[in-house]
């Protein structure tokens, strides 16, 4: 189980680069163009790898239908709304805000594990989750140019915030339902989910005009995002939530919004203020409290 738990941690580190590098790509290539290319490349490479290793993709289609359709739909939804949120943000500061709202999913994942995976919680779980959520919201309000007040008032590009929230909910559900519906399977269907996401985004791109400015740097960045945060990270995460310590991985994923913010601040040249460091402390404390509050019990 330790190996599979390590897969989840590796996925978290890769995902911390997603928001910043995806924004850099969308600014040059266009939102839907970027998302479509990233996930078509990731899906094709992942499916070719499975085909070469197993001789066919048949095993992927033999997985439980609830997992293929339910988790597949959630996966495609997550990818689509996340890229729309990143691409429609009006400034680099809002991009960081979008990333932070998206990364509410670790807290939601722990909360959903109680009804979906029949985990049991100790009395201090609400406190741990409140601390983690408070840290995330504090980081949102501290981000220059994109505040929580904007989200409540509907000003300052609220649509990207709403899309990021949908992404957070859909990924939290995906993480738990993958364990519930395919926890005993030897493999996951992430290669199919990646390819399906790419196909959906290609179709959407056909109805939207975007202008792309290509360069060698953009090509290299596209390949990194497609093969790293897109393909490898999702495969590692899917394996981890099905076979690893989902509570530990979900708790450690509380660090993702802060890692993502740090990478985004460097890449997009947006400097977090002192309140950001207080947010870091709250998120860490919340992660520790939440991890110790969830008790394992058999998945029904």
Protein backbone atom coordinates (compact mmCIF):
# COMPACT_ATOMS: atom_id res chain seq x y z
CA UNK A 1 0.00 0.00 0.00
CA UNK A 2 2.91 2.37 0.66
CA UNK A 3 3.95 2.25 -3.00
CA UNK A 4 0.45 3.15 -4.18
CA UNK A 5 0.23 5.93 -1.60
CA UNK A 6 3.53 7.26 -2.98
CA UNK A 7 1.92 7.35 -6.42
CA UNK A 8 -0.65 9.77 -5.04
CA UNK A 9 2.03 12.03 -3.60
CA UNK A 10 3.86 12.08 -6.95
CA UNK A 11 0.60 13.05 -8.66
CA UNK A 12 0.15 15.93 -6.22
CA UNK A 13 3.62 17.27 -7.06
CA UNK A 14 2.96 17.06 -10.79
CA UNK A 15 -0.44 18.72 -10.44
CA UNK A 16 1.11 21.67 -8.62
CA UNK A 17 2.47 22.80 -12.00
CA UNK A 18 -0.81 22.39 -13.92
CA UNK A 19 -2.46 25.78 -13.39
CA UNK A 20 0.56 27.97 -14.14
CA UNK A 21 1.77 26.06 -17.20
CA UNK A 22 -1.75 25.57 -18.56
CA UNK A 23 -2.34 29.31 -18.31
CA UNK A 24 0.89 29.98 -20.19
CA UNK A 25 -0.30 27.64 -22.92
CA UNK A 26 -3.83 29.06 -23.15
CA UNK A 27 -2.47 32.59 -23.54
CA UNK A 28 -0.51 31.51 -26.63
CA UNK A 29 -2.64 28.74 -28.12
CA UNK A 30 -6.17 29.40 -26.88
CA UNK A 31 -8.16 27.72 -24.11
CA UNK A 32 -9.91 24.93 -26.01
CA UNK A 33 -6.99 24.41 -28.40
CA UNK A 34 -4.65 23.87 -25.47
CA UNK A 35 -6.99 21.55 -23.57
CA UNK A 36 -7.84 19.50 -26.68
CA UNK A 37 -4.20 19.01 -27.70
CA UNK A 38 -3.05 18.21 -24.16
CA UNK A 39 -5.62 15.48 -23.61
CA UNK A 40 -5.59 14.00 -27.09
CA UNK A 41 -1.81 13.59 -26.82
CA UNK A 42 -2.06 12.27 -23.26
CA UNK A 43 -4.87 9.88 -24.16
CA UNK A 44 -3.24 8.50 -27.29
CA UNK A 45 0.13 7.95 -25.58
CA UNK A 46 -1.50 6.33 -22.53
CA UNK A 47 -3.64 4.00 -24.68
CA UNK A 48 -0.62 3.04 -26.82
CA UNK A 49 1.32 2.23 -23.65
CA UNK A 50 -1.47 -0.03 -22.36
CA UNK A 51 -1.83 -1.69 -25.77
CA UNK A 52 1.91 -2.34 -26.02
CA UNK A 53 2.09 -3.70 -22.48
CA UNK A 54 -1.07 -5.84 -22.53
CA UNK A 55 -1.54 -6.52 -26.23
CA UNK A 56 -5.00 -4.90 -26.30
CA UNK A 57 -7.26 -2.38 -24.58
CA UNK A 58 -9.95 -5.01 -23.91
CA UNK A 59 -9.27 -5.15 -20.17
CA UNK A 60 -10.14 -1.47 -19.82
CA UNK A 61 -13.60 -2.01 -21.30
CA UNK A 62 -14.26 -4.93 -18.93
CA UNK A 63 -14.13 -2.70 -15.87
CA UNK A 64 -17.44 -2.08 -14.01
CA UNK A 65 -19.87 -0.04 -16.09
CA UNK A 66 -20.59 2.27 -13.16
CA UNK A 67 -16.89 3.13 -13.01
CA UNK A 68 -16.48 3.56 -16.78
CA UNK A 69 -19.55 5.74 -17.23
CA UNK A 70 -19.82 7.47 -13.86
CA UNK A 71 -16.16 8.16 -13.18
CA UNK A 72 -15.49 8.70 -16.87
CA UNK A 73 -18.17 11.37 -17.02
CA UNK A 74 -16.82 13.06 -13.90
CA UNK A 75 -13.29 12.97 -15.32
CA UNK A 76 -14.34 14.63 -18.59
CA UNK A 77 -16.41 17.21 -16.69
CA UNK A 78 -13.49 18.04 -14.42
CA UNK A 79 -11.00 18.52 -17.25
CA UNK A 80 -13.39 20.64 -19.29
CA UNK A 81 -14.51 23.05 -16.57
CA UNK A 82 -11.00 23.39 -15.11
CA UNK A 83 -9.50 24.49 -18.42
CA UNK A 84 -12.41 26.83 -19.06
CA UNK A 85 -11.84 28.35 -15.61
CA UNK A 86 -8.11 28.80 -16.23
CA UNK A 87 -8.61 30.19 -19.71
CA UNK A 88 -11.40 32.63 -18.84
CA UNK A 89 -9.66 34.15 -15.81
CA UNK A 90 -9.15 37.84 -16.52
CA UNK A 91 -5.71 38.18 -14.94
CA UNK A 92 -2.82 36.16 -13.57
CA UNK A 93 -4.03 36.93 -10.06
CA UNK A 94 -7.38 35.39 -10.88
CA UNK A 95 -5.60 32.32 -12.24
CA UNK A 96 -4.13 31.74 -8.78
CA UNK A 97 -7.59 32.23 -7.28
CA UNK A 98 -9.05 29.70 -9.72
CA UNK A 99 -6.38 27.19 -8.73
CA UNK A 100 -7.14 27.64 -5.05
CA UNK A 101 -10.88 27.20 -5.49
CA UNK A 102 -10.27 24.11 -7.60
CA UNK A 103 -8.12 22.73 -4.81
CA UNK A 104 -11.00 22.71 -2.40
CA UNK A 105 -11.41 19.14 -3.64
CA UNK A 106 -9.14 17.58 -0.97
CA UNK A 107 -11.47 18.80 1.80
CA UNK A 108 -14.51 17.74 -0.20
CA UNK A 109 -12.91 14.35 -0.89
CA UNK A 110 -12.54 13.64 2.82
CA UNK A 111 -16.10 14.79 3.46
CA UNK A 112 -17.50 12.60 0.66
CA UNK A 113 -15.53 9.57 1.90
CA UNK A 114 -17.87 9.33 4.88
CA UNK A 115 -21.11 8.62 2.94
CA UNK A 116 -19.49 7.06 -0.14
CA UNK A 117 -16.78 4.88 1.41
CA UNK A 118 -18.37 4.52 4.85
CA UNK A 119 -15.43 6.10 6.63
CA UNK A 120 -16.03 7.12 10.22
CA UNK A 121 -15.07 10.50 11.62
CA UNK A 122 -13.90 11.58 15.04
CA UNK A 123 -15.42 14.71 16.62
CA UNK A 124 -12.65 17.06 15.52
CA UNK A 125 -13.11 16.45 11.77
CA UNK A 126 -15.25 19.60 11.34
CA UNK A 127 -12.50 21.64 13.01
CA UNK A 128 -9.82 20.20 10.72
CA UNK A 129 -11.87 20.81 7.61
CA UNK A 130 -12.80 24.29 8.80
CA UNK A 131 -9.12 25.16 9.27
CA UNK A 132 -8.19 23.85 5.82
CA UNK A 133 -11.09 25.61 4.14
CA UNK A 134 -10.38 28.81 6.05
CA UNK A 135 -6.77 28.66 4.87
CA UNK A 136 -7.86 28.22 1.27
CA UNK A 137 -10.37 31.07 1.51
CA UNK A 138 -7.82 33.31 3.19
CA UNK A 139 -5.42 32.63 0.35
CA UNK A 140 -8.21 33.49 -2.09
CA UNK A 141 -8.91 36.82 -0.41
CA UNK A 142 -5.19 37.56 -0.16
CA UNK A 143 -4.59 36.98 -3.87
CA UNK A 144 -4.13 40.27 -5.65
CA UNK A 145 -6.91 41.06 -8.08
CA UNK A 146 -9.23 38.19 -7.16
CA UNK A 147 -10.96 38.09 -3.79
CA UNK A 148 -13.60 35.98 -2.09
CA UNK A 149 -15.74 39.12 -2.00
CA UNK A 150 -15.62 39.10 -5.82
CA UNK A 151 -16.91 35.55 -5.78
CA UNK A 152 -19.82 36.46 -3.50
CA UNK A 153 -20.73 39.66 -5.31
CA UNK A 154 -20.45 38.21 -8.79
CA UNK A 155 -17.91 40.80 -9.88
CA UNK A 156 -14.39 40.46 -11.19
CA UNK A 157 -14.95 37.50 -13.53
CA UNK A 158 -17.11 35.34 -11.26
CA UNK A 159 -17.73 32.72 -13.98
CA UNK A 160 -14.19 31.34 -13.71
CA UNK A 161 -14.65 30.94 -9.95
CA UNK A 162 -17.92 29.04 -10.41
CA UNK A 163 -16.28 26.74 -12.96
CA UNK A 164 -13.40 26.08 -10.56
CA UNK A 165 -15.88 25.14 -7.83
CA UNK A 166 -17.62 22.68 -10.18
CA UNK A 167 -14.19 21.21 -10.90
CA UNK A 168 -13.48 20.78 -7.18
CA UNK A 169 -16.77 18.95 -6.54
CA UNK A 170 -16.44 16.69 -9.59
CA UNK A 171 -12.88 15.61 -8.74
CA UNK A 172 -13.72 14.91 -5.11
CA UNK A 173 -16.57 12.68 -6.26
CA UNK A 174 -14.32 10.99 -8.83
CA UNK A 175 -11.67 10.20 -6.22
CA UNK A 176 -14.13 8.46 -3.92
CA UNK A 177 -16.26 6.71 -6.54
CA UNK A 178 -13.15 5.30 -8.24
CA UNK A 179 -12.36 3.55 -4.98
CA UNK A 180 -15.95 2.43 -4.47
CA UNK A 181 -16.59 1.09 -7.98
CA UNK A 182 -13.15 -0.14 -9.07
CA UNK A 183 -11.09 -0.48 -5.91
CA UNK A 184 -10.44 -4.19 -6.50
CA UNK A 185 -9.56 -3.85 -10.18
CA UNK A 186 -6.01 -4.50 -11.35
CA UNK A 187 -6.05 -1.46 -13.61
CA UNK A 188 -7.96 1.76 -14.08
CA UNK A 189 -9.45 3.30 -17.21
CA UNK A 190 -7.60 6.62 -17.06
CA UNK A 191 -6.16 6.20 -20.59
CA UNK A 192 -9.73 5.97 -21.91
CA UNK A 193 -10.83 8.90 -19.74
CA UNK A 194 -7.94 11.02 -21.03
CA UNK A 195 -8.75 10.21 -24.64
CA UNK A 196 -12.48 10.82 -24.10
CA UNK A 197 -11.68 14.22 -22.60
CA UNK A 198 -9.54 15.08 -25.62
CA UNK A 199 -12.27 14.04 -28.06
CA UNK A 200 -14.93 16.10 -26.24
CA UNK A 201 -12.63 19.12 -26.23
CA UNK A 202 -11.77 18.70 -29.93
CA UNK A 203 -15.48 18.70 -30.76
CA UNK A 204 -16.00 21.82 -28.63
CA UNK A 205 -13.02 23.50 -30.34
CA UNK A 206 -14.66 23.03 -33.75
CA UNK A 207 -17.38 25.49 -32.75
CA UNK A 208 -15.05 28.17 -31.34
CA UNK A 209 -12.55 30.31 -33.24
CA UNK A 210 -9.16 30.64 -31.54
CA UNK A 211 -5.85 32.03 -32.80
CA UNK A 212 -2.71 30.14 -31.84
CA UNK A 213 0.86 31.46 -31.70
CA UNK A 214 3.28 28.52 -31.85
CA UNK A 215 6.93 28.48 -30.81
CA UNK A 216 9.45 25.79 -29.81
CA UNK A 217 8.95 26.70 -26.14
CA UNK A 218 5.18 26.28 -26.44
CA UNK A 219 5.62 22.88 -28.09
CA UNK A 220 7.93 21.68 -25.31
CA UNK A 221 5.56 23.04 -22.65
CA UNK A 222 2.61 21.33 -24.34
CA UNK A 223 4.43 17.99 -24.31
CA UNK A 224 5.33 18.39 -20.63
CA UNK A 225 1.76 19.19 -19.59
CA UNK A 226 0.35 16.37 -21.74
CA UNK A 227 2.77 13.68 -20.55
CA UNK A 228 3.32 14.87 -16.97
CA UNK A 229 0.42 16.56 -15.14
CA UNK A 230 -2.14 15.26 -17.67
CA UNK A 231 -1.19 11.64 -18.36
CA UNK A 232 1.20 10.42 -15.67
CA UNK A 233 -0.33 12.29 -12.73
CA UNK A 234 -3.87 11.09 -13.40
CA UNK A 235 -2.74 7.48 -13.85
CA UNK A 236 -0.78 7.65 -10.60
CA UNK A 237 -3.70 9.25 -8.77
CA UNK A 238 -6.26 6.76 -10.06
CA UNK A 239 -4.06 3.87 -8.90
CA UNK A 240 -3.45 5.53 -5.55
CA UNK A 241 -7.11 6.21 -4.69
CA UNK A 242 -8.06 2.66 -5.67
CA UNK A 243 -5.26 0.81 -3.89
CA UNK A 244 -3.43 3.22 -1.56
CA UNK A 245 -4.26 4.99 1.68
CA UNK A 246 -6.92 7.36 0.34
CA UNK A 247 -7.24 9.21 3.65
CA UNK A 248 -3.50 9.95 3.84
CA UNK A 249 -3.29 10.93 0.18
CA UNK A 250 -6.38 13.14 0.41
CA UNK A 251 -4.97 14.81 3.52
CA UNK A 252 -1.58 15.45 1.90
CA UNK A 253 -3.37 16.89 -1.10
CA UNK A 254 -4.27 19.84 1.14
CA UNK A 255 -0.76 21.04 0.27
CA UNK A 256 -1.57 21.11 -3.46
CA UNK A 257 -3.22 24.57 -3.53
CA UNK A 258 -0.22 26.08 -1.80
CA UNK A 259 2.32 24.31 -3.99
CA UNK A 260 0.27 25.33 -7.02
CA UNK A 261 0.11 28.93 -5.79
CA UNK A 262 3.85 29.05 -5.28
CA UNK A 263 4.56 27.69 -8.77
CA UNK A 264 1.95 30.03 -10.28
CA UNK A 265 3.38 33.01 -8.42
CA UNK A 266 6.83 32.28 -9.89
CA UNK A 267 5.71 31.45 -13.43
CA UNK A 268 3.05 34.16 -13.69
CA UNK A 269 5.02 36.74 -11.62
CA UNK A 270 2.35 37.32 -8.96
CA UNK A 271 3.75 37.71 -5.43
CA UNK A 272 1.63 36.38 -2.50
CA UNK A 273 1.51 38.65 0.55
CA UNK A 274 1.96 37.84 4.27
CA UNK A 275 -1.61 36.55 4.55
CA UNK A 276 -0.67 33.79 2.12
CA UNK A 277 1.79 32.38 4.65
CA UNK A 278 -0.90 32.38 7.33
CA UNK A 279 -3.09 30.49 4.87
CA UNK A 280 -0.29 27.93 4.51
CA UNK A 281 -0.23 27.37 8.28
CA UNK A 282 -4.02 26.93 8.42
CA UNK A 283 -4.01 24.44 5.57
CA UNK A 284 -1.22 22.38 7.15
CA UNK A 285 -3.00 22.30 10.51
CA UNK A 286 -6.25 21.40 8.82
CA UNK A 287 -4.60 18.58 6.87
CA UNK A 288 -3.12 17.04 10.01
CA UNK A 289 -6.37 17.34 11.97
CA UNK A 290 -8.47 15.90 9.14
CA UNK A 291 -6.11 12.98 8.58
CA UNK A 292 -6.26 11.94 12.22
CA UNK A 293 -10.05 12.38 12.36
CA UNK A 294 -10.95 9.87 9.63
CA UNK A 295 -11.17 6.23 10.67
CA UNK A 296 -10.89 3.46 8.09
CA UNK A 297 -13.77 1.05 7.67
CA UNK A 298 -14.68 -1.41 4.91
CA UNK A 299 -15.99 -0.04 1.63
CA UNK A 300 -19.54 -1.19 0.99
